[in-house]
Protein backbone atom coordinates (compact mmCIF):
# COMPACT_ATOMS: atom_id res chain seq x y z
CA MET A 1 7.62 -23.80 6.17
CA VAL A 2 7.50 -20.67 4.00
CA HIS A 3 10.80 -19.87 2.31
CA ILE A 4 11.53 -16.20 1.63
CA ALA A 5 14.39 -14.17 0.18
CA ILE A 6 15.37 -10.70 1.32
CA LEU A 7 16.91 -8.38 -1.27
CA GLY A 8 19.17 -5.97 0.61
CA HIS A 9 20.71 -6.08 4.09
CA GLY A 10 20.77 -2.38 4.90
CA VAL A 11 18.86 -0.66 7.68
CA VAL A 12 15.42 -2.04 6.80
CA GLY A 13 16.60 -5.37 5.43
CA SER A 14 18.58 -6.20 8.56
CA GLY A 15 15.56 -5.13 10.62
CA VAL A 16 13.33 -7.56 8.73
CA ALA A 17 15.82 -10.38 9.32
CA ASP A 18 16.03 -9.49 13.02
CA ILE A 19 12.26 -9.50 13.51
CA ILE A 20 11.76 -12.80 11.69
CA THR A 21 14.48 -14.52 13.69
CA THR A 22 13.61 -13.04 17.10
CA HIS A 23 9.80 -13.26 16.72
CA LYS A 24 9.77 -16.76 15.29
CA THR A 25 7.36 -18.11 17.91
CA LYS A 26 4.86 -15.30 17.45
CA LEU A 27 4.91 -15.63 13.67
CA PHE A 28 4.45 -19.42 13.94
CA ALA A 29 1.46 -18.94 16.22
CA CYS A 30 -0.06 -16.55 13.69
CA LEU A 31 0.55 -18.69 10.60
CA GLY A 32 0.87 -22.25 11.85
CA GLU A 33 4.17 -22.60 10.02
CA GLU A 34 7.65 -21.12 10.11
CA VAL A 35 8.85 -18.21 7.99
CA TYR A 36 12.35 -19.21 6.94
CA ILE A 37 14.91 -16.85 5.41
CA LYS A 38 16.61 -18.94 2.74
CA TYR A 39 18.52 -16.17 0.96
CA ILE A 40 19.71 -12.64 1.66
CA LEU A 41 20.95 -10.83 -1.43
CA ASP A 42 23.66 -8.21 -0.94
CA ILE A 43 26.88 -7.28 -2.72
CA ARG A 44 28.62 -6.93 0.66
CA ASP A 45 29.86 -9.63 3.03
CA PHE A 46 28.57 -9.95 6.59
CA PRO A 47 30.92 -12.42 8.27
CA GLU A 48 29.65 -11.53 11.75
CA SER A 49 26.00 -12.19 10.94
CA PRO A 50 24.38 -15.32 12.41
CA LEU A 51 22.76 -15.71 8.96
CA GLU A 52 26.11 -15.58 7.13
CA ASP A 53 25.50 -18.89 5.36
CA ARG A 54 22.35 -17.54 3.68
CA PHE A 55 23.91 -14.61 1.86
CA THR A 56 24.26 -14.59 -1.91
CA LYS A 57 25.44 -12.05 -4.44
CA ASN A 58 23.55 -13.67 -7.32
CA PHE A 59 19.87 -12.92 -7.85
CA GLU A 60 19.60 -15.95 -10.14
CA ASP A 61 19.91 -18.16 -7.06
CA ILE A 62 16.65 -16.69 -5.84
CA ILE A 63 14.65 -16.46 -9.06
CA ASN A 64 15.48 -20.06 -10.00
CA ASP A 65 14.65 -21.56 -6.60
CA ILE A 66 11.09 -22.91 -6.71
CA ASP A 67 11.00 -23.04 -2.91
CA ILE A 68 11.08 -19.22 -2.65
CA ARG A 69 7.49 -18.03 -2.45
CA ILE A 70 8.00 -14.48 -1.19
CA VAL A 71 10.66 -11.98 -2.22
CA VAL A 72 11.24 -9.01 0.08
CA GLU A 73 12.71 -6.02 -1.76
CA VAL A 74 14.39 -3.52 0.55
CA ILE A 75 17.22 -2.39 -1.73
CA GLY A 76 15.60 0.95 -2.53
CA GLY A 77 15.80 3.01 -5.71
CA ILE A 78 14.86 1.81 -9.18
CA LYS A 79 17.91 -0.12 -10.40
CA PRO A 80 18.15 -3.05 -9.93
CA ALA A 81 15.03 -3.15 -7.71
CA PHE A 82 12.52 -2.82 -10.56
CA GLU A 83 14.07 -5.66 -12.58
CA TYR A 84 14.23 -7.96 -9.57
CA VAL A 85 10.65 -7.25 -8.50
CA LYS A 86 9.24 -7.60 -12.02
CA ARG A 87 11.02 -10.90 -12.62
CA SER A 88 9.94 -12.24 -9.24
CA LEU A 89 6.29 -11.47 -9.96
CA GLU A 90 6.55 -12.97 -13.44
CA ALA A 91 7.88 -16.13 -11.79
CA GLY A 92 4.75 -16.26 -9.61
CA LYS A 93 6.54 -15.21 -6.44
CA SER A 94 4.77 -12.66 -4.26
CA VAL A 95 6.73 -9.50 -3.49
CA VAL A 96 6.79 -7.24 -0.44
CA THR A 97 8.59 -3.90 -0.63
CA SER A 98 9.22 -0.73 1.35
CA ASN A 99 10.47 1.06 -1.78
CA LYS A 100 8.36 4.23 -2.20
CA GLU A 101 10.25 5.32 -5.32
CA LEU A 102 9.49 2.00 -6.99
CA VAL A 103 5.81 1.97 -6.07
CA ALA A 104 5.26 5.63 -6.97
CA GLY A 105 6.95 5.19 -10.34
CA PHE A 106 5.85 1.69 -11.37
CA GLY A 107 2.99 0.67 -9.08
CA ALA A 108 0.39 0.24 -11.82
CA GLU A 109 2.70 -1.90 -13.96
CA LEU A 110 3.81 -4.11 -11.07
CA LEU A 111 0.27 -4.59 -9.74
CA LYS A 112 -0.79 -5.63 -13.26
CA THR A 113 2.11 -8.11 -13.45
CA ALA A 114 1.18 -9.52 -10.04
CA LYS A 115 -2.44 -9.97 -11.14
CA GLU A 116 -1.44 -11.71 -14.36
CA ASN A 117 0.71 -14.19 -12.44
CA ASN A 118 -1.64 -14.76 -9.49
CA ALA A 119 0.88 -13.26 -7.08
CA ASN A 120 0.67 -10.47 -4.52
CA PHE A 121 2.53 -7.18 -4.54
CA LEU A 122 2.30 -5.52 -1.12
CA PHE A 123 3.91 -2.27 0.05
CA GLU A 124 2.51 -1.16 3.40
CA ALA A 125 5.92 0.17 4.50
CA SER A 126 6.34 2.39 1.43
CA VAL A 127 4.28 5.30 2.79
CA GLY A 128 4.10 5.45 6.56
CA GLY A 129 7.02 3.27 7.60
CA GLY A 130 5.65 1.74 10.79
CA ILE A 131 2.30 3.57 10.48
CA PRO A 132 -0.44 1.35 9.02
CA ILE A 133 -2.08 3.28 6.19
CA ILE A 134 -2.25 1.18 2.99
CA ARG A 135 -4.28 -1.60 4.61
CA PRO A 136 -6.67 0.74 6.48
CA ILE A 137 -7.45 2.69 3.30
CA ASN A 138 -7.84 -0.47 1.25
CA GLN A 139 -9.92 -2.36 3.82
CA CYS A 140 -11.08 -0.49 6.92
CA LEU A 141 -12.22 2.67 5.12
CA VAL A 142 -13.53 0.96 2.00
CA ALA A 143 -17.14 1.96 2.79
CA ASN A 144 -16.20 5.66 2.65
CA ASN A 145 -16.02 8.02 -0.24
CA VAL A 146 -12.68 9.65 0.51
CA ASP A 147 -12.42 13.16 -0.90
CA GLU A 148 -9.16 14.31 0.68
CA ILE A 149 -5.93 12.96 2.14
CA ALA A 150 -3.37 15.27 3.71
CA GLY A 151 -0.38 14.52 5.81
CA ILE A 152 3.05 15.10 7.24
CA LEU A 153 4.75 12.40 5.22
CA ASN A 154 8.44 13.00 5.87
CA GLY A 155 10.04 12.75 9.31
CA THR A 156 13.24 14.56 8.33
CA THR A 157 11.52 17.76 7.28
CA ASN A 158 9.16 17.57 10.24
CA PHE A 159 12.13 17.29 12.60
CA ILE A 160 13.82 20.30 11.00
CA LEU A 161 10.68 22.44 11.16
CA THR A 162 10.07 21.42 14.77
CA LYS A 163 13.57 22.54 15.77
CA MET A 164 13.00 25.84 13.98
CA VAL A 165 9.73 26.35 15.89
CA ARG A 166 10.76 25.13 19.33
CA ASP A 167 14.43 26.07 19.52
CA ASN A 168 14.58 29.03 17.13
CA MET A 169 17.18 27.09 15.15
CA ASN A 170 17.77 28.22 11.58
CA PHE A 171 17.27 25.81 8.69
CA ASP A 172 20.93 25.00 8.05
CA ASP A 173 21.66 24.22 11.72
CA ALA A 174 18.50 22.12 12.07
CA LEU A 175 19.42 20.14 8.96
CA LYS A 176 22.94 19.51 10.27
CA LEU A 177 21.50 18.29 13.58
CA ALA A 178 19.10 15.98 11.73
CA GLN A 179 22.04 14.51 9.82
CA ASN A 180 24.08 14.04 13.00
CA LEU A 181 21.17 12.21 14.63
CA GLY A 182 20.62 9.98 11.62
CA TYR A 183 17.26 11.47 10.61
CA ALA A 184 18.64 12.97 7.40
CA GLU A 185 20.89 11.42 4.77
CA ARG A 186 24.25 12.90 3.85
CA ASN A 187 22.52 14.02 0.66
CA PRO A 188 19.15 15.20 2.03
CA GLU A 189 17.72 16.46 -1.26
CA ALA A 190 14.91 13.88 -1.52
CA ASP A 191 13.64 14.95 1.89
CA ILE A 192 14.12 18.71 2.04
CA MET A 193 13.04 19.31 -1.58
CA GLY A 194 9.80 17.38 -1.01
CA HIS A 195 10.45 14.44 -3.37
CA ASP A 196 10.00 11.80 -0.66
CA ALA A 197 6.67 13.27 0.44
CA CYS A 198 5.61 13.53 -3.21
CA ARG A 199 6.16 9.82 -3.82
CA LYS A 200 4.12 8.96 -0.76
CA ILE A 201 1.13 11.17 -1.58
CA CYS A 202 1.20 9.72 -5.12
CA ILE A 203 0.92 6.20 -3.71
CA LEU A 204 -1.95 7.19 -1.43
CA ALA A 205 -3.76 8.99 -4.25
CA SER A 206 -3.29 6.06 -6.63
CA LEU A 207 -4.60 3.57 -4.08
CA THR A 208 -7.54 5.67 -2.95
CA PHE A 209 -8.78 6.86 -6.32
CA GLY A 210 -7.86 3.86 -8.46
CA CYS A 211 -5.57 5.38 -11.09
CA HIS A 212 -1.82 5.83 -11.04
CA ILE A 213 -0.57 9.33 -10.24
CA TYR A 214 3.06 9.81 -11.24
CA PRO A 215 5.36 12.08 -9.21
CA GLU A 216 6.23 14.19 -12.25
CA TRP A 217 2.59 15.31 -12.44
CA VAL A 218 2.65 16.75 -8.90
CA HIS A 219 3.82 20.27 -8.12
CA THR A 220 6.36 19.84 -5.34
CA GLU A 221 8.04 22.39 -3.09
CA GLY A 222 10.45 21.74 -0.25
CA ILE A 223 11.31 23.63 2.93
CA THR A 224 14.64 25.20 2.00
CA GLU A 225 13.11 28.69 1.67
CA ILE A 226 11.38 28.64 5.07
CA THR A 227 12.90 31.19 7.47
CA LEU A 228 12.64 31.83 11.19
CA ARG A 229 10.75 34.97 10.26
CA ASP A 230 8.06 32.82 8.58
CA VAL A 231 7.96 30.52 11.60
CA SER A 232 7.43 33.51 13.89
CA TYR A 233 4.60 34.88 11.77
CA ALA A 234 2.94 31.45 11.69
CA ALA A 235 2.94 31.40 15.49
CA ALA A 236 1.49 34.92 15.63
CA TRP A 237 -1.20 33.83 13.17
CA GLY A 238 -2.11 30.92 15.45
CA GLY A 239 -0.41 27.87 14.00
CA CYS A 240 2.82 26.42 12.65
CA ILE A 241 4.47 25.46 9.36
CA LYS A 242 4.44 21.85 8.17
CA LEU A 243 5.44 20.24 4.88
CA ILE A 244 2.13 18.81 3.66
CA GLY A 245 1.32 16.35 0.92
CA ARG A 246 -2.31 16.75 -0.04
CA VAL A 247 -4.70 15.32 -2.61
CA LYS A 248 -8.27 16.56 -2.90
CA ILE A 249 -11.00 15.52 -5.30
CA GLN A 250 -12.69 18.35 -7.19
CA ASN A 251 -16.38 18.55 -8.10
CA ASP A 252 -15.65 17.31 -11.63
CA GLY A 253 -13.71 14.29 -10.31
CA SER A 254 -10.25 15.66 -11.10
CA MET A 255 -7.50 15.71 -8.48
CA ASP A 256 -5.84 18.69 -6.86
CA ILE A 257 -2.57 17.22 -5.60
CA ILE A 258 0.41 19.12 -4.24
CA VAL A 259 3.36 18.97 -1.86
CA SER A 260 4.34 22.25 -0.22
CA PRO A 261 4.93 23.98 3.11
CA MET A 262 1.66 25.16 4.63
CA PHE A 263 0.46 27.19 7.57
CA VAL A 264 -1.44 24.70 9.73
CA PRO A 265 -3.81 26.07 12.41
CA SER A 266 -3.26 24.98 16.01
CA SER A 267 -6.74 23.45 15.98
CA SER A 268 -5.67 20.89 13.36
CA GLN A 269 -4.81 17.37 14.46
CA LEU A 270 -1.67 17.67 12.35
CA ALA A 271 -0.36 20.78 14.12
CA ASN A 272 1.05 18.97 17.16
CA ILE A 273 2.79 16.18 15.26
CA ASP A 274 6.43 17.05 15.85
CA TYR A 275 10.01 15.88 15.39
CA GLU A 276 10.47 12.69 13.34
CA PHE A 277 6.82 11.64 13.63
CA ASN A 278 4.41 11.52 10.70
CA GLY A 279 0.67 12.02 10.58
CA ILE A 280 -1.79 11.22 7.80
CA MET A 281 -5.36 12.52 7.78
CA VAL A 282 -8.00 10.78 5.67
CA ARG A 283 -11.34 12.53 5.18
CA GLY A 284 -14.18 10.07 4.59
CA ASP A 285 -17.84 10.88 4.14
CA CYS A 286 -18.83 8.33 6.79
CA THR A 287 -15.98 8.53 9.30
CA GLY A 288 -15.06 12.20 9.01
CA ASP A 289 -11.38 12.90 9.70
CA VAL A 290 -9.29 9.86 10.66
CA VAL A 291 -5.64 10.47 11.57
CA PHE A 292 -2.86 7.88 11.52
CA TYR A 293 0.15 8.84 13.65
CA GLY A 294 3.54 7.34 14.42
CA LYS A 295 7.16 7.06 13.36
CA GLY A 296 7.30 7.17 9.61
CA ALA A 297 10.79 5.73 9.28
CA GLY A 298 13.46 3.85 11.21
CA LYS A 299 14.81 0.33 11.17
CA LEU A 300 12.30 -1.55 13.30
CA PRO A 301 9.13 0.50 12.63
CA THR A 302 9.56 0.07 8.87
CA ALA A 303 10.66 -3.55 9.19
CA SER A 304 7.56 -4.21 11.29
CA ALA A 305 5.32 -3.12 8.41
CA VAL A 306 7.33 -5.25 5.97
CA VAL A 307 6.95 -8.34 8.15
CA ALA A 308 3.21 -7.69 8.45
CA ASP A 309 3.02 -7.79 4.64
CA ILE A 310 5.01 -11.03 4.61
CA VAL A 311 2.45 -12.56 6.97
CA ASP A 312 -0.35 -11.25 4.74
CA CYS A 313 1.28 -12.90 1.71
CA CYS A 314 1.54 -16.18 3.60
CA LYS A 315 -2.21 -16.06 4.24
CA HIS A 316 -3.02 -15.40 0.59
CA PHE A 317 -1.01 -17.93 -1.37
CA LYS A 318 -4.09 -19.54 -2.90
CA THR A 319 -6.02 -16.30 -3.38
CA ARG A 320 -4.87 -12.79 -4.30
CA LYS A 321 -5.34 -9.87 -1.96
CA TYR A 322 -7.30 -7.26 -3.86
CA LEU A 323 -4.89 -4.37 -4.04
CA PHE A 324 -4.93 -2.77 -7.44
CA TRP A 325 -5.04 0.42 -9.46
CA SER A 326 -4.90 1.01 -13.19
CA ASP A 327 -2.60 3.30 -15.11
CA GLY A 328 -3.52 6.98 -15.01
CA SER A 329 -3.47 10.12 -17.12
CA SER A 330 -2.11 13.55 -16.32
CA SER A 331 -5.46 14.95 -17.47
CA ASN A 332 -6.86 13.71 -14.15
CA VAL A 333 -4.64 16.21 -12.27
CA ILE A 334 -5.40 19.93 -12.31
CA ASP A 335 -2.62 22.42 -12.99
CA TYR A 336 -1.23 23.75 -9.72
CA ASN A 337 -1.79 27.26 -11.02
CA ASP A 338 -5.53 26.54 -10.76
CA SER A 339 -5.27 25.16 -7.22
CA VAL A 340 -7.13 27.36 -4.71
CA PHE A 341 -5.79 28.28 -1.27
CA ALA A 342 -5.66 31.21 1.09
CA TYR A 343 -2.08 32.47 1.51
CA TYR A 344 0.32 34.02 3.98
CA VAL A 345 2.21 36.84 2.30
CA LEU A 346 5.15 38.81 3.65
CA LEU A 347 5.89 42.12 1.93
CA ALA A 348 8.62 44.70 2.38
CA SER A 349 8.72 48.31 1.26
CA GLN A 350 11.67 49.33 -0.85
CA GLU A 351 11.46 52.78 0.72
CA ASN A 352 11.09 51.81 4.39
CA HIS A 353 8.06 54.07 4.94
CA PRO A 354 5.34 53.30 7.50
CA ILE A 355 1.92 52.13 6.34
CA VAL A 356 -1.26 53.81 7.57
CA LEU A 357 -4.12 51.61 8.75
CA GLU A 358 -7.41 52.61 7.18
CA ASN A 359 -9.74 54.95 9.09
CA THR A 360 -7.50 55.16 12.17
CA GLY A 361 -4.39 57.02 11.17
CA GLU A 362 -2.44 54.42 13.15
CA GLN A 363 0.98 53.79 11.70
CA TYR A 364 1.91 50.18 11.06
CA PRO A 365 5.51 49.28 10.24
CA CYS A 366 5.68 48.52 6.56
CA ALA A 367 5.35 49.74 3.01
CA ALA A 368 4.72 53.17 1.64
CA TYR A 369 1.06 52.65 0.91
CA ASN A 370 -2.27 52.64 2.68
CA ILE A 371 -3.74 49.19 3.42
CA GLU A 372 -6.73 50.14 1.30
CA GLU A 373 -4.42 50.58 -1.69
CA ILE A 374 -2.97 47.11 -1.20
CA GLU A 375 -6.46 45.62 -0.90
CA LYS A 376 -7.47 47.24 -4.18
CA THR A 377 -4.84 45.06 -5.82
CA LEU A 378 -4.85 41.91 -3.71
CA GLY A 379 -8.34 41.72 -2.27
CA LYS A 380 -9.30 41.63 1.40
CA ILE A 381 -6.36 40.86 3.72
CA ALA A 382 -5.99 40.14 7.44
CA LEU A 383 -2.88 41.56 9.11
CA ILE A 384 -0.66 39.34 11.23
CA ARG A 385 0.53 41.40 14.18
CA LYS A 386 3.49 40.57 16.41
CA PRO A 387 6.03 42.52 18.44
CA GLY A 388 9.30 43.71 16.95
CA VAL A 389 8.20 43.96 13.34
CA PRO A 390 10.82 45.77 11.19
CA ASN A 391 9.73 49.12 9.80
CA ASN A 392 9.65 47.89 6.23
CA GLU A 393 7.65 44.67 6.74
CA LEU A 394 3.99 43.70 6.45
CA ALA A 395 2.62 40.18 6.95
CA PHE A 396 -0.97 39.19 6.25
CA THR A 397 -3.23 36.42 5.00
CA THR A 398 -5.34 36.61 1.87
CA GLU A 399 -8.73 35.27 0.92
CA GLN A 400 -8.85 32.10 -1.18
CA MET A 401 -7.76 32.37 -4.78
CA SER A 402 -5.85 30.39 -7.36
CA TRP A 403 -2.06 30.41 -7.41
CA GLU A 404 -2.16 32.04 -10.83
CA THR A 405 -4.42 34.85 -9.62
CA LEU A 406 -2.28 35.46 -6.55
CA ASN A 407 0.89 35.78 -8.60
CA GLU A 408 -0.73 38.13 -11.10
CA ARG A 409 -1.75 40.42 -8.23
CA LEU A 410 1.62 40.19 -6.52
CA GLU A 411 3.27 41.28 -9.75
CA LEU A 412 1.14 44.43 -9.63
CA LEU A 413 2.29 45.07 -6.05
CA LYS A 414 5.91 44.70 -7.11
CA GLN A 415 5.34 47.52 -9.57
CA GLN A 416 4.38 49.68 -6.57
CA LYS A 417 7.85 49.35 -5.04
CA LEU A 418 6.89 46.45 -2.78
CA THR A 419 9.03 43.32 -2.49
CA VAL A 420 7.49 39.89 -1.89
CA LEU A 421 9.61 38.12 0.74
CA SER A 422 7.49 35.02 1.38
CA VAL A 423 4.35 33.29 0.17
CA ILE A 424 3.09 30.14 1.90
CA ARG A 425 -0.20 28.32 1.39
CA ILE A 426 -2.65 27.99 4.27
CA GLY A 427 -3.91 24.46 4.75
CA ASP A 428 -7.58 23.90 5.50
CA LEU A 429 -6.69 21.04 7.78
């Protein structure tokens, strides 16, 4: 019998307890012994729970019990999760967690502690919820040189953007609906500002490339500035808008890593991943593009990944699973100003004059300048045409250039009485 302790009895923690108790026969068949929940740590009381007798409010009960071999941390956040996980590993107990904030912030330190104490620190559920991604990258794709990972890593933002695309719902209404349906927290900042996706791409980058990438090193943008006008232009361009976390290795071995909204072409495997679903694309030199798809959050999907890690720990008591990365340096990450993309740009004329298309004399609603004049400043552009364009608007895509170069050129356009309404990166996905 393997004794475990679960730290936290919230959504995920209760899901883990449910799966272990209801799938007891299946787990026994897999392991040849029972997984037994000896403690559940929570500051609240659960008098209606069938496991009521196993609750404790004192972590010392768990850390001092030599029978506990696996600690499952599903509290979330940093305090007190970090202390509890660190002490558990130092005591030689393996730890399983779904805590993306913990792994993104302290993964290198905790993996080092696990190694020093011949314990395992596993976190499959920290990135894709119920989507397997940590194990496939660490094992199934190990023969590949991976040069890029990109994905829709947050179900809340993907749900909001899907409602904007499909139902013409504005951002505020889509967010409110997501909250009402339980997809978004009462305070949705971590999701809509991109912080959740940032933590996840940091974990994937750290695992894949072997050195810790901290969230504070990653330029992160959310979706709060995306408008229905941008959504409409994305459709006219031939794609949609998704919040993408992406890491790409440069020729010199440095990392270009970013979280931001991107135009995604309809031909991309990520374009049709909608609502609360997530999708992660891994580009390997042997496999090409491999996409992992599924629900990235939720009680049972996430709990399923946690239980899978528990089973993995049970199979590796006498030997460590090799899952490790060392500490990193910000010098490994390029400045986002040097990151190269093509861009969607939406301009407006301050004088509401029509623009004249070169060589045709055709009037196009927008700006007070000839297209050729704009291209002298910005470089070659491709217009995005759609019905009902206001007289003072011009949307187009640019050629590839750095963020710094783009902004320098846009500043010159602003001096020509043009207003920049939107700029969104175009993902080569």
